[in-house]
Amino acid sequence: MSQLRTTAAGVLRRLALACLLLPFATSSLANDYPTEARVDYVLGCMAANDNSYLTMRKCSCSIDVIAEHLDYETYEQVEVVLGMQDQRGELGVLFRTERGMQDQLRALRLAQADANLRCF
């Protein structure tokens, strides 16, 4: 019986430690975007809106929210898909119709919608 208590206490200690460390683990995932990518997004966002200090803050918030939803690798892939969709011919058709790419685009658009609700 005492061994069972010791094991249960050990499990509870590990669970408590995991709960304490969880915010740090998720925040590091949300911060895996390189600074250059964040700045590029903010500059593009500001150019599409108005180049004010308030817009810069909203655009910075927006990329932070997107980073919560998508890891950087997925974000980078979606950026390529968006850039290639305007291509003519078979190559452009591939980027406009392939299901996996469309799913990634949908994920980005959902992340952007959440960012708009939270930041703008």
N, C-alpha and C. Protein backbone atom coordinates (compact mmCIF):
# COMPACT_ATOMS: atom_id res chain seq x y z
N MET A 1 0.82 -1.19 0.00
CA MET A 1 0.00 0.00 0.00
C MET A 1 0.86 1.26 0.00
N SER A 2 1.97 1.26 0.75
CA SER A 2 2.81 2.44 0.80
C SER A 2 3.51 2.67 -0.54
N GLN A 3 3.79 1.58 -1.25
CA GLN A 3 4.41 1.73 -2.58
C GLN A 3 3.42 2.38 -3.53
N LEU A 4 2.15 2.06 -3.41
CA LEU A 4 1.10 2.65 -4.25
C LEU A 4 1.00 4.15 -3.97
N ARG A 5 1.06 4.53 -2.69
CA ARG A 5 1.02 5.96 -2.33
C ARG A 5 2.23 6.70 -2.90
N THR A 6 3.39 6.07 -2.79
CA THR A 6 4.61 6.69 -3.31
C THR A 6 4.51 6.88 -4.82
N THR A 7 4.01 5.90 -5.53
CA THR A 7 3.84 5.99 -6.99
C THR A 7 2.82 7.07 -7.33
N ALA A 8 1.71 7.10 -6.62
CA ALA A 8 0.68 8.11 -6.86
C ALA A 8 1.21 9.51 -6.58
N ALA A 9 1.98 9.66 -5.52
CA ALA A 9 2.56 10.96 -5.19
C ALA A 9 3.53 11.39 -6.29
N GLY A 10 4.32 10.45 -6.80
CA GLY A 10 5.26 10.77 -7.88
C GLY A 10 4.52 11.20 -9.15
N VAL A 11 3.43 10.52 -9.46
CA VAL A 11 2.64 10.88 -10.64
C VAL A 11 2.04 12.27 -10.46
N LEU A 12 1.53 12.56 -9.29
CA LEU A 12 0.95 13.87 -9.02
C LEU A 12 2.00 14.98 -9.12
N ARG A 13 3.21 14.71 -8.62
CA ARG A 13 4.28 15.70 -8.71
C ARG A 13 4.64 15.98 -10.17
N ARG A 14 4.75 14.92 -10.97
CA ARG A 14 5.08 15.10 -12.39
C ARG A 14 3.96 15.83 -13.13
N LEU A 15 2.73 15.52 -12.79
CA LEU A 15 1.59 16.20 -13.41
C LEU A 15 1.57 17.68 -13.06
N ALA A 16 1.83 17.99 -11.79
CA ALA A 16 1.88 19.39 -11.36
C ALA A 16 3.00 20.14 -12.07
N LEU A 17 4.15 19.51 -12.22
CA LEU A 17 5.27 20.13 -12.91
C LEU A 17 4.93 20.36 -14.39
N ALA A 18 4.28 19.40 -15.01
CA ALA A 18 3.88 19.55 -16.41
C ALA A 18 2.90 20.70 -16.57
N CYS A 19 1.97 20.84 -15.64
CA CYS A 19 1.01 21.94 -15.70
C CYS A 19 1.70 23.30 -15.54
N LEU A 20 2.73 23.34 -14.71
CA LEU A 20 3.47 24.59 -14.53
C LEU A 20 4.28 24.94 -15.77
N LEU A 21 4.80 23.94 -16.46
CA LEU A 21 5.65 24.19 -17.62
C LEU A 21 4.87 24.35 -18.92
N LEU A 22 3.61 23.95 -18.96
CA LEU A 22 2.82 24.00 -20.19
C LEU A 22 2.77 25.38 -20.83
N PRO A 23 2.53 26.47 -20.10
CA PRO A 23 2.52 27.78 -20.75
C PRO A 23 3.84 28.12 -21.45
N PHE A 24 4.94 27.68 -20.88
CA PHE A 24 6.23 27.96 -21.51
C PHE A 24 6.41 27.14 -22.78
N ALA A 25 5.91 25.92 -22.80
CA ALA A 25 6.02 25.07 -23.98
C ALA A 25 5.19 25.64 -25.12
N THR A 26 3.97 26.08 -24.85
CA THR A 26 3.12 26.60 -25.92
C THR A 26 3.62 27.96 -26.39
N SER A 27 4.17 28.77 -25.51
CA SER A 27 4.66 30.07 -25.96
C SER A 27 5.90 29.92 -26.83
N SER A 28 6.73 28.91 -26.58
CA SER A 28 7.89 28.72 -27.45
C SER A 28 7.45 28.25 -28.82
N LEU A 29 6.36 27.46 -28.92
CA LEU A 29 5.86 27.05 -30.21
C LEU A 29 5.33 28.25 -30.99
N ALA A 30 4.67 29.17 -30.32
CA ALA A 30 4.11 30.34 -30.98
C ALA A 30 5.20 31.32 -31.40
N ASN A 31 6.40 31.16 -30.87
CA ASN A 31 7.47 32.09 -31.19
C ASN A 31 8.54 31.48 -32.09
N ASP A 32 8.16 30.48 -32.90
CA ASP A 32 9.16 29.87 -33.76
C ASP A 32 9.30 30.59 -35.09
N TYR A 33 8.56 31.67 -35.31
CA TYR A 33 8.68 32.45 -36.54
C TYR A 33 9.94 33.31 -36.47
N PRO A 34 10.74 33.32 -37.53
CA PRO A 34 11.90 34.21 -37.53
C PRO A 34 11.47 35.67 -37.54
N THR A 35 12.28 36.51 -37.00
CA THR A 35 11.98 37.94 -36.94
C THR A 35 11.71 38.50 -38.32
N GLU A 36 12.50 38.09 -39.31
CA GLU A 36 12.33 38.58 -40.67
C GLU A 36 10.92 38.29 -41.20
N ALA A 37 10.40 37.10 -40.92
CA ALA A 37 9.05 36.75 -41.38
C ALA A 37 7.99 37.60 -40.69
N ARG A 38 8.18 37.84 -39.40
CA ARG A 38 7.23 38.68 -38.67
C ARG A 38 7.25 40.12 -39.20
N VAL A 39 8.45 40.64 -39.42
CA VAL A 39 8.57 42.02 -39.93
C VAL A 39 7.96 42.12 -41.32
N ASP A 40 8.23 41.14 -42.17
CA ASP A 40 7.68 41.13 -43.52
C ASP A 40 6.15 41.15 -43.47
N TYR A 41 5.57 40.34 -42.59
CA TYR A 41 4.11 40.32 -42.46
C TYR A 41 3.58 41.67 -41.99
N VAL A 42 4.22 42.24 -40.96
CA VAL A 42 3.76 43.51 -40.41
C VAL A 42 3.86 44.62 -41.45
N LEU A 43 4.96 44.66 -42.21
CA LEU A 43 5.10 45.70 -43.23
C LEU A 43 4.03 45.56 -44.32
N GLY A 44 3.76 44.32 -44.74
CA GLY A 44 2.72 44.10 -45.73
C GLY A 44 1.34 44.45 -45.21
N CYS A 45 1.09 44.10 -43.97
CA CYS A 45 -0.19 44.42 -43.32
C CYS A 45 -0.36 45.93 -43.21
N MET A 46 0.71 46.62 -42.82
CA MET A 46 0.63 48.08 -42.70
C MET A 46 0.40 48.73 -44.06
N ALA A 47 1.05 48.22 -45.09
CA ALA A 47 0.88 48.78 -46.44
C ALA A 47 -0.55 48.57 -46.93
N ALA A 48 -1.16 47.46 -46.54
CA ALA A 48 -2.53 47.18 -46.97
C ALA A 48 -3.56 47.99 -46.18
N ASN A 49 -3.16 48.47 -45.02
CA ASN A 49 -4.07 49.26 -44.19
C ASN A 49 -3.59 50.71 -44.22
N ASP A 50 -3.25 51.28 -43.11
CA ASP A 50 -2.63 52.60 -43.15
C ASP A 50 -1.36 52.54 -42.31
N ASN A 51 -0.37 53.24 -42.74
CA ASN A 51 0.96 53.16 -42.11
C ASN A 51 1.04 53.99 -40.84
N SER A 52 0.24 53.64 -39.86
CA SER A 52 0.27 54.38 -38.60
C SER A 52 0.81 53.49 -37.49
N TYR A 53 1.13 54.11 -36.39
CA TYR A 53 1.62 53.38 -35.23
C TYR A 53 0.56 52.39 -34.73
N LEU A 54 -0.68 52.81 -34.69
CA LEU A 54 -1.76 51.93 -34.24
C LEU A 54 -1.90 50.72 -35.15
N THR A 55 -1.77 50.94 -36.45
CA THR A 55 -1.84 49.82 -37.40
C THR A 55 -0.68 48.86 -37.19
N MET A 56 0.51 49.38 -36.91
CA MET A 56 1.66 48.54 -36.64
C MET A 56 1.40 47.64 -35.45
N ARG A 57 0.79 48.18 -34.42
CA ARG A 57 0.47 47.37 -33.23
C ARG A 57 -0.54 46.30 -33.55
N LYS A 58 -1.56 46.65 -34.34
CA LYS A 58 -2.59 45.67 -34.73
C LYS A 58 -2.00 44.58 -35.61
N CYS A 59 -1.14 44.96 -36.53
CA CYS A 59 -0.52 43.99 -37.43
C CYS A 59 0.45 43.07 -36.66
N SER A 60 1.15 43.61 -35.69
CA SER A 60 2.03 42.79 -34.85
C SER A 60 1.22 41.78 -34.06
N CYS A 61 0.10 42.21 -33.53
CA CYS A 61 -0.81 41.32 -32.82
C CYS A 61 -1.30 40.23 -33.76
N SER A 62 -1.62 40.62 -34.98
CA SER A 62 -2.16 39.69 -35.96
C SER A 62 -1.19 38.54 -36.26
N ILE A 63 0.08 38.84 -36.49
CA ILE A 63 1.03 37.77 -36.79
C ILE A 63 1.27 36.90 -35.56
N ASP A 64 1.15 37.47 -34.37
CA ASP A 64 1.27 36.66 -33.15
C ASP A 64 0.12 35.66 -33.06
N VAL A 65 -1.08 36.08 -33.40
CA VAL A 65 -2.24 35.19 -33.37
C VAL A 65 -2.09 34.11 -34.43
N ILE A 66 -1.65 34.48 -35.62
CA ILE A 66 -1.44 33.49 -36.68
C ILE A 66 -0.40 32.46 -36.23
N ALA A 67 0.65 32.92 -35.55
CA ALA A 67 1.69 32.01 -35.06
C ALA A 67 1.15 31.05 -34.01
N GLU A 68 0.10 31.43 -33.31
CA GLU A 68 -0.53 30.52 -32.35
C GLU A 68 -1.24 29.38 -33.08
N HIS A 69 -1.75 29.66 -34.27
CA HIS A 69 -2.52 28.68 -35.03
C HIS A 69 -1.67 27.80 -35.94
N LEU A 70 -0.65 28.37 -36.56
CA LEU A 70 0.15 27.65 -37.56
C LEU A 70 1.62 27.67 -37.18
N ASP A 71 2.28 26.52 -37.29
CA ASP A 71 3.72 26.54 -37.09
C ASP A 71 4.36 27.22 -38.30
N TYR A 72 5.60 27.62 -38.16
CA TYR A 72 6.24 28.41 -39.20
C TYR A 72 6.37 27.64 -40.51
N GLU A 73 6.64 26.35 -40.43
CA GLU A 73 6.78 25.55 -41.66
C GLU A 73 5.49 25.58 -42.48
N THR A 74 4.35 25.43 -41.83
CA THR A 74 3.07 25.48 -42.52
C THR A 74 2.82 26.87 -43.08
N TYR A 75 3.11 27.90 -42.30
CA TYR A 75 2.94 29.28 -42.76
C TYR A 75 3.77 29.53 -44.01
N GLU A 76 5.00 29.05 -44.00
CA GLU A 76 5.89 29.23 -45.14
C GLU A 76 5.34 28.52 -46.38
N GLN A 77 4.82 27.31 -46.19
CA GLN A 77 4.23 26.57 -47.31
C GLN A 77 3.03 27.29 -47.89
N VAL A 78 2.20 27.86 -47.03
CA VAL A 78 1.02 28.58 -47.49
C VAL A 78 1.44 29.84 -48.26
N GLU A 79 2.49 30.51 -47.80
CA GLU A 79 2.99 31.68 -48.52
C GLU A 79 3.41 31.32 -49.94
N VAL A 80 4.05 30.17 -50.08
CA VAL A 80 4.45 29.70 -51.41
C VAL A 80 3.21 29.42 -52.26
N VAL A 81 2.24 28.73 -51.69
CA VAL A 81 1.00 28.42 -52.41
C VAL A 81 0.33 29.70 -52.87
N LEU A 82 0.23 30.70 -52.00
CA LEU A 82 -0.40 31.97 -52.36
C LEU A 82 0.35 32.64 -53.52
N GLY A 83 1.66 32.58 -53.47
CA GLY A 83 2.45 33.18 -54.53
C GLY A 83 2.35 32.45 -55.86
N MET A 84 2.16 31.15 -55.80
CA MET A 84 2.13 30.35 -57.02
C MET A 84 0.74 30.25 -57.64
N GLN A 85 -0.29 30.60 -56.93
CA GLN A 85 -1.65 30.48 -57.46
C GLN A 85 -1.88 31.39 -58.66
N ASP A 86 -1.13 32.46 -58.76
CA ASP A 86 -1.31 33.40 -59.88
C ASP A 86 -0.61 32.94 -61.15
N GLN A 87 0.15 31.85 -61.08
CA GLN A 87 0.86 31.34 -62.26
C GLN A 87 -0.14 30.81 -63.29
N ARG A 88 0.17 31.00 -64.54
CA ARG A 88 -0.69 30.49 -65.61
C ARG A 88 -0.32 29.04 -65.92
N GLY A 89 -1.23 28.36 -66.55
CA GLY A 89 -0.96 27.00 -67.01
C GLY A 89 -1.14 25.95 -65.93
N GLU A 90 -0.53 24.78 -66.21
CA GLU A 90 -0.71 23.62 -65.33
C GLU A 90 -0.15 23.86 -63.94
N LEU A 91 0.95 24.57 -63.85
CA LEU A 91 1.55 24.83 -62.55
C LEU A 91 0.60 25.62 -61.65
N GLY A 92 0.00 26.67 -62.19
CA GLY A 92 -0.96 27.46 -61.43
C GLY A 92 -2.18 26.66 -61.04
N VAL A 93 -2.65 25.80 -61.95
CA VAL A 93 -3.81 24.97 -61.66
C VAL A 93 -3.51 24.04 -60.50
N LEU A 94 -2.32 23.47 -60.48
CA LEU A 94 -1.93 22.58 -59.39
C LEU A 94 -2.04 23.30 -58.04
N PHE A 95 -1.52 24.52 -57.97
CA PHE A 95 -1.55 25.26 -56.70
C PHE A 95 -2.94 25.78 -56.35
N ARG A 96 -3.82 25.89 -57.34
CA ARG A 96 -5.19 26.34 -57.07
C ARG A 96 -6.13 25.21 -56.72
N THR A 97 -5.79 23.97 -57.08
CA THR A 97 -6.76 22.89 -56.94
C THR A 97 -6.34 21.75 -56.02
N GLU A 98 -5.07 21.57 -55.74
CA GLU A 98 -4.62 20.44 -54.94
C GLU A 98 -5.19 20.55 -53.53
N ARG A 99 -5.84 19.48 -53.09
CA ARG A 99 -6.60 19.49 -51.83
C ARG A 99 -5.75 19.83 -50.60
N GLY A 100 -4.58 19.25 -50.48
CA GLY A 100 -3.72 19.52 -49.32
C GLY A 100 -3.35 20.99 -49.23
N MET A 101 -3.07 21.58 -50.36
CA MET A 101 -2.71 23.00 -50.38
C MET A 101 -3.92 23.86 -50.03
N GLN A 102 -5.08 23.45 -50.49
CA GLN A 102 -6.30 24.19 -50.19
C GLN A 102 -6.63 24.10 -48.70
N ASP A 103 -6.36 22.94 -48.09
CA ASP A 103 -6.58 22.79 -46.65
C ASP A 103 -5.66 23.72 -45.86
N GLN A 104 -4.40 23.83 -46.30
CA GLN A 104 -3.47 24.73 -45.63
C GLN A 104 -3.91 26.18 -45.79
N LEU A 105 -4.39 26.54 -46.97
CA LEU A 105 -4.90 27.89 -47.20
C LEU A 105 -6.08 28.18 -46.29
N ARG A 106 -6.96 27.20 -46.16
CA ARG A 106 -8.13 27.36 -45.30
C ARG A 106 -7.69 27.58 -43.84
N ALA A 107 -6.66 26.85 -43.41
CA ALA A 107 -6.15 27.01 -42.04
C ALA A 107 -5.60 28.41 -41.83
N LEU A 108 -4.88 28.94 -42.84
CA LEU A 108 -4.36 30.31 -42.73
C LEU A 108 -5.50 31.31 -42.68
N ARG A 109 -6.50 31.12 -43.50
CA ARG A 109 -7.62 32.07 -43.51
C ARG A 109 -8.38 32.05 -42.18
N LEU A 110 -8.52 30.87 -41.58
CA LEU A 110 -9.15 30.80 -40.25
C LEU A 110 -8.30 31.51 -39.21
N ALA A 111 -6.98 31.34 -39.29
CA ALA A 111 -6.08 32.02 -38.36
C ALA A 111 -6.16 33.53 -38.56
N GLN A 112 -6.23 33.98 -39.82
CA GLN A 112 -6.36 35.42 -40.09
C GLN A 112 -7.69 35.96 -39.59
N ALA A 113 -8.74 35.18 -39.72
CA ALA A 113 -10.05 35.63 -39.22
C ALA A 113 -10.00 35.79 -37.70
N ASP A 114 -9.38 34.84 -37.01
CA ASP A 114 -9.23 34.96 -35.56
C ASP A 114 -8.38 36.18 -35.21
N ALA A 115 -7.31 36.40 -35.98
CA ALA A 115 -6.45 37.57 -35.75
C ALA A 115 -7.22 38.87 -35.95
N ASN A 116 -8.07 38.91 -36.97
CA ASN A 116 -8.87 40.12 -37.20
C ASN A 116 -9.82 40.37 -36.04
N LEU A 117 -10.43 39.31 -35.53
CA LEU A 117 -11.35 39.48 -34.40
C LEU A 117 -10.62 39.94 -33.14
N ARG A 118 -9.44 39.39 -32.91
CA ARG A 118 -8.71 39.69 -31.68
C ARG A 118 -7.90 40.98 -31.73
N CYS A 119 -7.49 41.39 -32.92
CA CYS A 119 -6.52 42.49 -33.02
C CYS A 119 -7.06 43.76 -33.66
N PHE A 120 -8.06 43.64 -34.50
CA PHE A 120 -8.53 44.82 -35.25
C PHE A 120 -9.85 45.28 -34.80
